[in-house]
PDB file of N, CA and C in Angstrom:
ATOM      1  N   MET A   1      20.989  10.896  35.819  1.00  0.00           N
ATOM      2  CA  MET A   1      21.532   9.368  36.203  1.00  0.00           C
ATOM      3  C   MET A   1      21.947   8.321  35.141  1.00  0.00           C
ATOM      4  N   GLU A   2      22.712   7.773  35.195  1.00  0.00           N
ATOM      5  CA  GLU A   2      23.335   7.031  34.441  1.00  0.00           C
ATOM      6  C   GLU A   2      21.492   5.614  34.746  1.00  0.00           C
ATOM      7  N   ARG A   3      21.419   4.955  33.528  1.00  0.00           N
ATOM      8  CA  ARG A   3      21.241   2.988  33.518  1.00  0.00           C
ATOM      9  C   ARG A   3      22.197   2.457  34.307  1.00  0.00           C
ATOM     10  N   GLU A   4      22.016   1.770  34.850  1.00  0.00           N
ATOM     11  CA  GLU A   4      22.589   0.672  35.901  1.00  0.00           C
ATOM     12  C   GLU A   4      21.371  -0.263  36.614  1.00  0.00           C
ATOM     13  N   GLY A   5      22.509  -1.168  36.280  1.00  0.00           N
ATOM     14  CA  GLY A   5      21.594  -2.480  37.847  1.00  0.00           C
ATOM     15  C   GLY A   5      20.188  -2.842  36.887  1.00  0.00           C
ATOM     16  N   MET A   6      19.381  -2.879  37.188  1.00  0.00           N
ATOM     17  CA  MET A   6      18.115  -4.042  36.876  1.00  0.00           C
ATOM     18  C   MET A   6      17.170  -2.742  35.401  1.00  0.00           C
ATOM     19  N   ASP A   7      17.298  -1.385  35.922  1.00  0.00           N
ATOM     20  CA  ASP A   7      16.787  -0.998  34.557  1.00  0.00           C
ATOM     21  C   ASP A   7      17.953  -1.157  33.009  1.00  0.00           C
ATOM     22  N   LYS A   8      18.590  -0.731  33.724  1.00  0.00           N
ATOM     23  CA  LYS A   8      19.778  -1.112  32.060  1.00  0.00           C
ATOM     24  C   LYS A   8      19.218  -2.726  31.644  1.00  0.00           C
ATOM     25  N   VAL A   9      18.622  -3.900  32.163  1.00  0.00           N
ATOM     26  CA  VAL A   9      18.729  -4.640  31.687  1.00  0.00           C
ATOM     27  C   VAL A   9      17.287  -5.219  30.953  1.00  0.00           C
ATOM     28  N   LEU A  10      16.579  -4.158  31.939  1.00  0.00           N
ATOM     29  CA  LEU A  10      14.991  -3.891  31.045  1.00  0.00           C
ATOM     30  C   LEU A  10      14.797  -3.021  29.737  1.00  0.00           C
ATOM     31  N   TRP A  11      15.978  -2.558  29.869  1.00  0.00           N
ATOM     32  CA  TRP A  11      15.991  -1.148  28.846  1.00  0.00           C
ATOM     33  C   TRP A  11      16.590  -2.372  26.786  1.00  0.00           C
ATOM     34  N   GLN A  12      17.601  -3.066  27.682  1.00  0.00           N
ATOM     35  CA  GLN A  12      18.668  -3.899  26.988  1.00  0.00           C
ATOM     36  C   GLN A  12      17.629  -4.618  26.431  1.00  0.00           C
ATOM     37  N   LEU A  13      16.374  -5.996  27.427  1.00  0.00           N
ATOM     38  CA  LEU A  13      15.529  -6.056  27.039  1.00  0.00           C
ATOM     39  C   LEU A  13      14.775  -5.786  25.791  1.00  0.00           C
ATOM     40  N   GLY A  14      14.277  -4.626  26.662  1.00  0.00           N
ATOM     41  CA  GLY A  14      13.233  -3.959  25.502  1.00  0.00           C
ATOM     42  C   GLY A  14      13.350  -3.615  24.018  1.00  0.00           C
ATOM     43  N   ILE A  15      14.495  -3.347  24.141  1.00  0.00           N
ATOM     44  CA  ILE A  15      15.284  -2.874  22.456  1.00  0.00           C
ATOM     45  C   ILE A  15      14.871  -3.975  21.674  1.00  0.00           C
ATOM     46  N   ALA A  16      15.904  -5.317  22.635  1.00  0.00           N
ATOM     47  CA  ALA A  16      16.144  -6.479  21.584  1.00  0.00           C
ATOM     48  C   ALA A  16      14.965  -7.323  21.486  1.00  0.00           C
ATOM     49  N   PHE A  17      13.761  -7.249  22.591  1.00  0.00           N
ATOM     50  CA  PHE A  17      12.070  -7.510  22.494  1.00  0.00           C
ATOM     51  C   PHE A  17      11.750  -7.030  20.997  1.00  0.00           C
ATOM     52  N   ILE A  18      11.487  -5.522  21.052  1.00  0.00           N
ATOM     53  CA  ILE A  18      11.235  -5.055  19.892  1.00  0.00           C
ATOM     54  C   ILE A  18      11.817  -5.549  18.572  1.00  0.00           C
ATOM     55  N   ALA A  19      13.298  -5.410  18.302  1.00  0.00           N
ATOM     56  CA  ALA A  19      14.229  -5.413  17.126  1.00  0.00           C
ATOM     57  C   ALA A  19      14.097  -6.622  16.433  1.00  0.00           C
ATOM     58  N   ILE A  20      13.800  -8.317  17.591  1.00  0.00           N
ATOM     59  CA  ILE A  20      13.970  -9.364  16.797  1.00  0.00           C
ATOM     60  C   ILE A  20      12.395  -9.417  16.770  1.00  0.00           C
ATOM     61  N   GLY A  21      11.684  -9.142  17.095  1.00  0.00           N
ATOM     62  CA  GLY A  21      10.086  -9.037  17.034  1.00  0.00           C
ATOM     63  C   GLY A  21       9.412  -8.766  15.440  1.00  0.00           C
ATOM     64  N   THR A  22      10.366  -7.482  15.113  1.00  0.00           N
ATOM     65  CA  THR A  22       9.920  -6.771  13.913  1.00  0.00           C
ATOM     66  C   THR A  22      10.797  -8.051  12.890  1.00  0.00           C
ATOM     67  N   LEU A  23      11.856  -8.207  13.541  1.00  0.00           N
ATOM     68  CA  LEU A  23      12.682  -8.828  12.141  1.00  0.00           C
ATOM     69  C   LEU A  23      11.554 -10.502  11.833  1.00  0.00           C
ATOM     70  N   VAL A  24      11.433 -10.625  13.008  1.00  0.00           N
ATOM     71  CA  VAL A  24      10.478 -12.086  13.266  1.00  0.00           C
ATOM     72  C   VAL A  24       9.073 -11.785  12.074  1.00  0.00           C
ATOM     73  N   GLY A  25       8.906 -10.430  12.391  1.00  0.00           N
ATOM     74  CA  GLY A  25       7.523 -10.498  11.874  1.00  0.00           C
ATOM     75  C   GLY A  25       7.300 -10.361  10.891  1.00  0.00           C
ATOM     76  N   LEU A  26       8.645  -9.739   9.922  1.00  0.00           N
ATOM     77  CA  LEU A  26       8.705  -8.944   8.282  1.00  0.00           C
ATOM     78  C   LEU A  26       9.550 -10.701   7.463  1.00  0.00           C
ATOM     79  N   ILE A  27       9.797 -11.271   8.497  1.00  0.00           N
ATOM     80  CA  ILE A  27      10.398 -12.861   7.977  1.00  0.00           C
ATOM     81  C   ILE A  27       9.419 -13.108   7.581  1.00  0.00           C
ATOM     82  N   ILE A  28       7.992 -12.970   8.699  1.00  0.00           N
ATOM     83  CA  ILE A  28       6.986 -14.149   8.868  1.00  0.00           C
ATOM     84  C   ILE A  28       5.745 -13.331   7.270  1.00  0.00           C
ATOM     85  N   GLY A  29       6.317 -12.216   7.119  1.00  0.00           N
ATOM     86  CA  GLY A  29       5.001 -11.735   6.099  1.00  0.00           C
ATOM     87  C   GLY A  29       5.781 -11.632   4.723  1.00  0.00           C
ATOM     88  N   PHE A  30       7.233 -11.907   4.099  1.00  0.00           N
ATOM     89  CA  PHE A  30       7.238 -12.140   3.582  1.00  0.00           C
ATOM     90  C   PHE A  30       8.024 -13.568   2.736  1.00  0.00           C
ATOM     91  N   SER A  31       8.187 -15.383   4.243  1.00  0.00           N
ATOM     92  CA  SER A  31       8.134 -16.058   3.829  1.00  0.00           C
ATOM     93  C   SER A  31       7.176 -17.244   3.749  1.00  0.00           C
ATOM     94  N   LEU A  32       5.893 -16.761   4.602  1.00  0.00           N
ATOM     95  CA  LEU A  32       5.030 -17.796   4.773  1.00  0.00           C
ATOM     96  C   LEU A  32       4.230 -18.873   4.089  1.00  0.00           C
ATOM     97  N   LYS A  33       4.375 -19.503   3.063  1.00  0.00           N
ATOM     98  CA  LYS A  33       4.126 -20.608   2.746  1.00  0.00           C
ATOM     99  C   LYS A  33       3.128 -20.948   2.749  1.00  0.00           C
ATOM    100  N   ILE A  34       1.544 -22.141   2.029  1.00  0.00           N
ATOM    101  CA  ILE A  34       1.291 -23.201   2.871  1.00  0.00           C
ATOM    102  C   ILE A  34       1.777 -24.242   2.639  1.00  0.00           C
ATOM    103  N   ASN A  35       1.727 -24.867   3.444  1.00  0.00           N
ATOM    104  CA  ASN A  35       1.959 -26.194   3.553  1.00  0.00           C
ATOM    105  C   ASN A  35       0.904 -27.309   2.919  1.00  0.00           C
ATOM    106  N   PHE A  36       1.151 -28.294   2.490  1.00  0.00           N
ATOM    107  CA  PHE A  36       0.597 -29.441   1.996  1.00  0.00           C
ATOM    108  C   PHE A  36       0.163 -30.458   3.017  1.00  0.00           C
ATOM    109  N   GLY A  37       1.928 -30.637   3.588  1.00  0.00           N
ATOM    110  CA  GLY A  37       2.234 -31.910   4.630  1.00  0.00           C
ATOM    111  C   GLY A  37       2.132 -33.167   3.731  1.00  0.00           C
ATOM    112  N   ALA A  38       1.389 -34.544   4.155  1.00  0.00           N
ATOM    113  CA  ALA A  38       1.131 -35.366   3.801  1.00  0.00           C
ATOM    114  C   ALA A  38       0.963 -35.590   2.233  1.00  0.00           C
ATOM    115  N   GLN A  39       0.230 -34.959   1.387  1.00  0.00           N
ATOM    116  CA  GLN A  39      -0.053 -34.323   0.219  1.00  0.00           C
ATOM    117  C   GLN A  39       1.056 -34.352  -0.732  1.00  0.00           C
ATOM    118  N   ALA A  40       1.515 -33.738   0.251  1.00  0.00           N
ATOM    119  CA  ALA A  40       3.005 -33.187  -0.947  1.00  0.00           C
ATOM    120  C   ALA A  40       3.752 -34.588  -1.246  1.00  0.00           C
ATOM    121  N   LEU A  41       3.582 -35.555  -0.582  1.00  0.00           N
ATOM    122  CA  LEU A  41       4.801 -36.904  -0.711  1.00  0.00           C
ATOM    123  C   LEU A  41       4.022 -37.864  -1.316  1.00  0.00           C
ATOM    124  N   MET A  42       2.543 -37.695  -1.795  1.00  0.00           N
ATOM    125  CA  MET A  42       1.716 -38.727  -2.275  1.00  0.00           C
ATOM    126  C   MET A  42       1.633 -37.902  -3.682  1.00  0.00           C
ATOM    127  N   LEU A  43       1.697 -37.320  -3.769  1.00  0.00           N
ATOM    128  CA  LEU A  43       1.439 -36.929  -5.415  1.00  0.00           C
ATOM    129  C   LEU A  43       3.154 -36.927  -6.106  1.00  0.00           C
ATOM    130  N   ASP A  44       3.312 -37.351  -7.189  1.00  0.00           N
ATOM    131  CA  ASP A  44       4.468 -37.448  -8.411  1.00  0.00           C
ATOM    132  C   ASP A  44       4.780 -35.687  -8.863  1.00  0.00           C
ATOM    133  N   ASP A  45       3.785 -35.122  -9.192  1.00  0.00           N
ATOM    134  CA  ASP A  45       4.293 -34.088  -9.869  1.00  0.00           C
ATOM    135  C   ASP A  45       4.842 -33.129  -8.106  1.00  0.00           C
ATOM    136  N   GLU A  46       5.552 -31.492  -9.426  1.00  0.00           N
ATOM    137  CA  GLU A  46       5.642 -30.895  -7.794  1.00  0.00           C
ATOM    138  C   GLU A  46       4.432 -29.957  -7.677  1.00  0.00           C
ATOM    139  N   VAL A  47       4.721 -29.507  -6.318  1.00  0.00           N
ATOM    140  CA  VAL A  47       3.272 -28.693  -5.141  1.00  0.00           C
ATOM    141  C   VAL A  47       3.848 -27.564  -5.082  1.00  0.00           C
ATOM    142  N   PRO A  48       2.942 -27.288  -5.988  1.00  0.00           N
ATOM    143  CA  PRO A  48       3.128 -25.385  -5.476  1.00  0.00           C
ATOM    144  C   PRO A  48       2.646 -24.614  -3.899  1.00  0.00           C
ATOM    145  N   SER A  49       3.811 -23.578  -4.455  1.00  0.00           N
ATOM    146  CA  SER A  49       4.428 -23.183  -3.499  1.00  0.00           C
ATOM    147  C   SER A  49       3.340 -21.904  -3.782  1.00  0.00           C
ATOM    148  N   ILE A  50       2.857 -21.687  -2.672  1.00  0.00           N
ATOM    149  CA  ILE A  50       1.566 -20.836  -2.870  1.00  0.00           C
ATOM    150  C   ILE A  50       1.590 -19.961  -1.190  1.00  0.00           C
ATOM    151  N   ALA A  51       1.771 -18.778  -1.470  1.00  0.00           N
ATOM    152  CA  ALA A  51       2.275 -17.824  -0.390  1.00  0.00           C
ATOM    153  C   ALA A  51       0.176 -18.018   0.780  1.00  0.00           C
ATOM    154  N   HIS A  52       0.835 -17.213   1.599  1.00  0.00           N
ATOM    155  CA  HIS A  52       0.014 -17.676   2.566  1.00  0.00           C
ATOM    156  C   HIS A  52      -1.221 -16.829   2.715  1.00  0.00           C
ATOM    157  N   PRO A  53      -2.387 -17.020   2.728  1.00  0.00           N
ATOM    158  CA  PRO A  53      -3.475 -15.659   2.505  1.00  0.00           C
ATOM    159  C   PRO A  53      -2.824 -14.781   3.300  1.00  0.00           C
ATOM    160  N   TYR A  54      -2.648 -14.663   4.391  1.00  0.00           N
ATOM    161  CA  TYR A  54      -2.786 -14.429   6.092  1.00  0.00           C
ATOM    162  C   TYR A  54      -1.279 -13.924   6.628  1.00  0.00           C
ATOM    163  N   ARG A  55      -0.867 -13.738   5.486  1.00  0.00           N
ATOM    164  CA  ARG A  55       1.020 -14.425   6.034  1.00  0.00           C
ATOM    165  C   ARG A  55       1.058 -12.497   6.611  1.00  0.00           C
ATOM    166  N   TRP A  56       0.924 -11.244   6.076  1.00  0.00           N
ATOM    167  CA  TRP A  56       0.688  -9.949   6.414  1.00  0.00           C
ATOM    168  C   TRP A  56      -0.155 -10.125   8.004  1.00  0.00           C
ATOM    169  N   ALA A  57      -0.683 -10.492   7.866  1.00  0.00           N
ATOM    170  CA  ALA A  57      -1.600 -10.459   8.624  1.00  0.00           C
ATOM    171  C   ALA A  57      -0.937 -11.231  10.515  1.00  0.00           C
ATOM    172  N   TYR A  58      -0.084 -12.550  10.629  1.00  0.00           N
ATOM    173  CA  TYR A  58      -0.233 -13.023  11.319  1.00  0.00           C
ATOM    174  C   TYR A  58       1.333 -11.862  11.509  1.00  0.00           C
ATOM    175  N   GLY A  59       2.181 -11.436  10.435  1.00  0.00           N
ATOM    176  CA  GLY A  59       3.410 -10.559  11.254  1.00  0.00           C
ATOM    177  C   GLY A  59       3.236  -9.874  11.453  1.00  0.00           C
ATOM    178  N   GLY A  60       2.006  -8.636  11.349  1.00  0.00           N
ATOM    179  CA  GLY A  60       1.369  -6.938  11.782  1.00  0.00           C
ATOM    180  C   GLY A  60       1.152  -7.525  13.084  1.00  0.00           C
ATOM    181  N   ILE A  61       0.572  -8.732  13.272  1.00  0.00           N
ATOM    182  CA  ILE A  61       0.137  -9.089  14.817  1.00  0.00           C
ATOM    183  C   ILE A  61       1.820  -9.812  15.527  1.00  0.00           C
ATOM    184  N   THR A  62       2.402 -10.121  15.017  1.00  0.00           N
ATOM    185  CA  THR A  62       3.632 -10.264  15.649  1.00  0.00           C
ATOM    186  C   THR A  62       4.157  -9.167  15.645  1.00  0.00           C
ATOM    187  N   ILE A  63       4.418  -8.569  15.142  1.00  0.00           N
ATOM    188  CA  ILE A  63       5.546  -6.977  15.173  1.00  0.00           C
ATOM    189  C   ILE A  63       4.764  -5.852  16.132  1.00  0.00           C
ATOM    190  N   GLY A  64       3.561  -6.342  16.401  1.00  0.00           N
ATOM    191  CA  GLY A  64       1.912  -5.372  17.045  1.00  0.00           C
ATOM    192  C   GLY A  64       2.790  -5.324  18.574  1.00  0.00           C
ATOM    193  N   PHE A  65       2.611  -7.306  18.954  1.00  0.00           N
ATOM    194  CA  PHE A  65       2.721  -7.611  20.219  1.00  0.00           C
ATOM    195  C   PHE A  65       4.320  -7.732  20.719  1.00  0.00           C
ATOM    196  N   SER A  66       5.016  -7.844  20.047  1.00  0.00           N
ATOM    197  CA  SER A  66       6.608  -7.585  20.365  1.00  0.00           C
ATOM    198  C   SER A  66       6.499  -5.977  20.440  1.00  0.00           C
ATOM    199  N   VAL A  67       5.948  -4.736  19.593  1.00  0.00           N
ATOM    200  CA  VAL A  67       6.745  -3.246  20.474  1.00  0.00           C
ATOM    201  C   VAL A  67       6.012  -3.280  21.273  1.00  0.00           C
ATOM    202  N   PHE A  68       4.549  -3.726  21.904  1.00  0.00           N
ATOM    203  CA  PHE A  68       3.828  -3.922  22.874  1.00  0.00           C
ATOM    204  C   PHE A  68       4.924  -3.971  24.323  1.00  0.00           C
ATOM    205  N   PHE A  69       4.955  -5.431  24.133  1.00  0.00           N
ATOM    206  CA  PHE A  69       5.983  -5.833  25.074  1.00  0.00           C
ATOM    207  C   PHE A  69       6.616  -5.113  25.473  1.00  0.00           C
ATOM    208  N   GLY A  70       7.245  -4.831  24.358  1.00  0.00           N
ATOM    209  CA  GLY A  70       8.997  -4.248  24.523  1.00  0.00           C
ATOM    210  C   GLY A  70       8.721  -2.588  25.191  1.00  0.00           C
ATOM    211  N   SER A  71       8.034  -2.634  24.923  1.00  0.00           N
ATOM    212  CA  SER A  71       7.222  -0.550  25.296  1.00  0.00           C
ATOM    213  C   SER A  71       6.850  -0.798  26.590  1.00  0.00           C
ATOM    214  N   VAL A  72       6.411  -1.978  27.045  1.00  0.00           N
ATOM    215  CA  VAL A  72       6.457  -2.288  28.773  1.00  0.00           C
ATOM    216  C   VAL A  72       7.294  -1.937  29.510  1.00  0.00           C
ATOM    217  N   LEU A  73       8.229  -2.681  29.126  1.00  0.00           N
ATOM    218  CA  LEU A  73       9.703  -3.285  29.268  1.00  0.00           C
ATOM    219  C   LEU A  73      10.788  -1.796  29.456  1.00  0.00           C
ATOM    220  N   LEU A  74      10.545  -0.903  28.426  1.00  0.00           N
ATOM    221  CA  LEU A  74      11.625  -0.013  28.751  1.00  0.00           C
ATOM    222  C   LEU A  74      10.117   1.016  29.121  1.00  0.00           C
ATOM    223  N   ALA A  75       8.657   0.771  29.504  1.00  0.00           N
ATOM    224  CA  ALA A  75       8.428   1.957  30.673  1.00  0.00           C
ATOM    225  C   ALA A  75       9.102   1.526  32.323  1.00  0.00           C
ATOM    226  N   LEU A  76       8.884   0.566  32.429  1.00  0.00           N
ATOM    227  CA  LEU A  76       9.261  -0.434  33.650  1.00  0.00           C
ATOM    228  C   LEU A  76      11.073   0.158  33.712  1.00  0.00           C
ATOM    229  N   SER A  77      11.367  -0.122  32.816  1.00  0.00           N
ATOM    230  CA  SER A  77      13.006   0.586  32.992  1.00  0.00           C
ATOM    231  C   SER A  77      12.999   2.080  33.312  1.00  0.00           C
ATOM    232  N   GLU A  78      12.096   3.010  32.948  1.00  0.00           N
ATOM    233  CA  GLU A  78      12.147   4.321  33.001  1.00  0.00           C
ATOM    234  C   GLU A  78      11.056   4.493  33.569  1.00  0.00           C
ATOM    235  N   MET A  79      10.331   3.602  34.846  1.00  0.00           N
ATOM    236  CA  MET A  79      10.355   4.349  36.045  1.00  0.00           C
ATOM    237  C   MET A  79      11.331   3.626  37.014  1.00  0.00           C
ATOM    238  N   ILE A  80      11.732   2.618  36.762  1.00  0.00           N
ATOM    239  CA  ILE A  80      13.369   2.475  38.050  1.00  0.00           C
ATOM    240  C   ILE A  80      14.279   3.240  37.760  1.00  0.00           C
ATOM    241  N   LEU A  81      14.115   3.792  36.762  1.00  0.00           N
ATOM    242  CA  LEU A  81      15.037   5.077  36.364  1.00  0.00           C
ATOM    243  C   LEU A  81      14.607   6.054  37.551  1.00  0.00           C
ATOM    244  N   LYS A  82      13.613   6.407  37.404  1.00  0.00           N
ATOM    245  CA  LYS A  82      12.835   7.761  37.404  1.00  0.00           C
ATOM    246  C   LYS A  82      13.028   7.675  39.103  1.00  0.00           C
ATOM    247  N   SER A  83      12.653   6.431  39.669  1.00  0.00           N
ATOM    248  CA  SER A  83      12.783   6.129  41.329  1.00  0.00           C
ATOM    249  C   SER A  83      13.793   6.689  41.890  1.00  0.00           C
ATOM    250  N   ARG A  84      14.792   6.054  41.199  1.00  0.00           N
ATOM    251  CA  ARG A  84      16.327   5.910  41.428  1.00  0.00           C
ATOM    252  C   ARG A  84      16.273   7.012  41.386  1.00  0.00           C
ATOM    253  N   GLU A  85      16.068   7.739  40.592  1.00  0.00           N
ATOM    254  CA  GLU A  85      16.476   9.406  40.440  1.00  0.00           C
ATOM    255  C   GLU A  85      16.192  10.318  41.777  1.00  0.00           C
ATOM    256  N   LYS A  86      14.508   9.952  42.204  1.00  0.00           N
ATOM    257  CA  LYS A  86      14.190  10.901  43.592  1.00  0.00           C
ATOM    258  C   LYS A  86      14.438  10.584  44.418  1.00  0.00           C
ATOM    259  N   VAL A  87      15.030   8.797  44.684  1.00  0.00           N
ATOM    260  CA  VAL A  87      15.826   8.428  46.135  1.00  0.00           C
ATOM    261  C   VAL A  87      17.113   9.666  46.247  1.00  0.00           C
ATOM    262  N   HIS A  88      17.831   9.730  44.776  1.00  0.00           N
ATOM    263  CA  HIS A  88      19.520  10.301  45.415  1.00  0.00           C
ATOM    264  C   HIS A  88      18.883  11.607  45.467  1.00  0.00           C
ATOM    265  N   THR A  89      18.205  11.481  45.080  1.00  0.00           N
ATOM    266  CA  THR A  89      17.863  13.654  45.064  1.00  0.00           C
ATOM    267  C   THR A  89      16.768  13.390  46.673  1.00  0.00           C
ATOM    268  N   PHE A  90      16.286  12.680  47.220  1.00  0.00           N
ATOM    269  CA  PHE A  90      16.428  12.786  48.608  1.00  0.00           C
ATOM    270  C   PHE A  90      17.717  12.566  49.543  1.00  0.00           C
ATOM    271  N   GLU A  91      18.534  12.027  49.390  1.00  0.00           N
ATOM    272  CA  GLU A  91      19.408  11.484  50.120  1.00  0.00           C
ATOM    273  C   GLU A  91      20.311  12.525  49.891  1.00  0.00           C
ATOM    274  N   GLN A  92      20.568  13.288  48.461  1.00  0.00           N
ATOM    275  CA  GLN A  92      21.535  14.378  48.941  1.00  0.00           C
ATOM    276  C   GLN A  92      20.476  15.952  49.527  1.00  0.00           C
ATOM    277  N   SER A  93      19.469  15.718  49.724  1.00  0.00           N
ATOM    278  CA  SER A  93      18.653  17.058  50.528  1.00  0.00           C
ATOM    279  C   SER A  93      18.887  16.551  51.667  1.00  0.00           C
ATOM    280  N   MET A  94      18.647  15.076  52.233  1.00  0.00           N
ATOM    281  CA  MET A  94      18.627  14.549  53.694  1.00  0.00           C
ATOM    282  C   MET A  94      19.991  15.337  54.268  1.00  0.00           C
ATOM    283  N   ALA A  95      20.945  14.608  53.260  1.00  0.00           N
ATOM    284  CA  ALA A  95      22.754  15.071  53.664  1.00  0.00           C
ATOM    285  C   ALA A  95      23.389  16.169  54.165  1.00  0.00           C
ATOM    286  N   ASN A  96      22.924  17.470  52.558  1.00  0.00           N
ATOM    287  CA  ASN A  96      22.598  18.549  53.475  1.00  0.00           C
ATOM    288  C   ASN A  96      21.814  19.554  54.052  1.00  0.00           C
ATOM    289  N   LEU A  97      20.729  18.512  54.562  1.00  0.00           N
ATOM    290  CA  LEU A  97      19.944  18.895  55.641  1.00  0.00           C
ATOM    291  C   LEU A  97      20.833  18.492  57.235  1.00  0.00           C
ATOM    292  N   LYS A  98      21.508  17.420  57.129  1.00  0.00           N
ATOM    293  CA  LYS A  98      22.591  17.439  58.743  1.00  0.00           C
ATOM    294  C   LYS A  98      23.509  17.849  58.149  1.00  0.00           C
ATOM    295  N   ARG A  99      24.118  18.457  57.064  1.00  0.00           N
ATOM    296  CA  ARG A  99      24.959  19.623  56.839  1.00  0.00           C
ATOM    297  C   ARG A  99      25.067  20.432  58.014  1.00  0.00           C
ATOM    298  N   LEU A 100      23.864  20.967  57.081  1.00  0.00           N
ATOM    299  CA  LEU A 100      22.974  22.927  57.829  1.00  0.00           C
ATOM    300  C   LEU A 100      23.036  22.506  59.338  1.00  0.00           C
ATOM    301  N   LEU A 101      22.017  21.859  59.966  1.00  0.00           N
ATOM    302  CA  LEU A 101      22.029  21.771  61.230  1.00  0.00           C
ATOM    303  C   LEU A 101      23.410  21.083  61.831  1.00  0.00           C
ATOM    304  N   LYS A 102      24.191  20.382  61.973  1.00  0.00           N
ATOM    305  CA  LYS A 102      25.565  20.274  62.359  1.00  0.00           C
ATOM    306  C   LYS A 102      26.140  21.813  62.022  1.00  0.00           C
ATOM    307  N   ASP A 103      26.129  22.273  61.266  1.00  0.00           N
ATOM    308  CA  ASP A 103      26.874  23.814  61.325  1.00  0.00           C
ATOM    309  C   ASP A 103      26.339  24.655  62.124  1.00  0.00           C
ATOM    310  N   ASN A 104      25.781  24.870  63.081  1.00  0.00           N
ATOM    311  CA  ASN A 104      24.359  25.418  62.998  1.00  0.00           C
ATOM    312  C   ASN A 104      24.599  25.020  65.007  1.00  0.00           C
TER     313      ASN A 104
END
């Protein structure tokens, strides 16, 4: 059975959530720097660019949460699809039963 309706939307949202979360986590991991704030404005010298010590932890947590919640959306999509298949199979069997009873 093809995906359509709510299960298709949930499936697409799950894939997008995983992809965007992974991309954001990698960006955080590669580019998070320590911000010196107002201190940088008061200094005459160039402020050193220091990578944040926990940047990969933050990036990994971001990726982990996005994969988890994206997987939840994918699972909901799959559950809806399976229930629609069961309903479709039940409707077909009832139609066959009505046809058989009508013939007799």
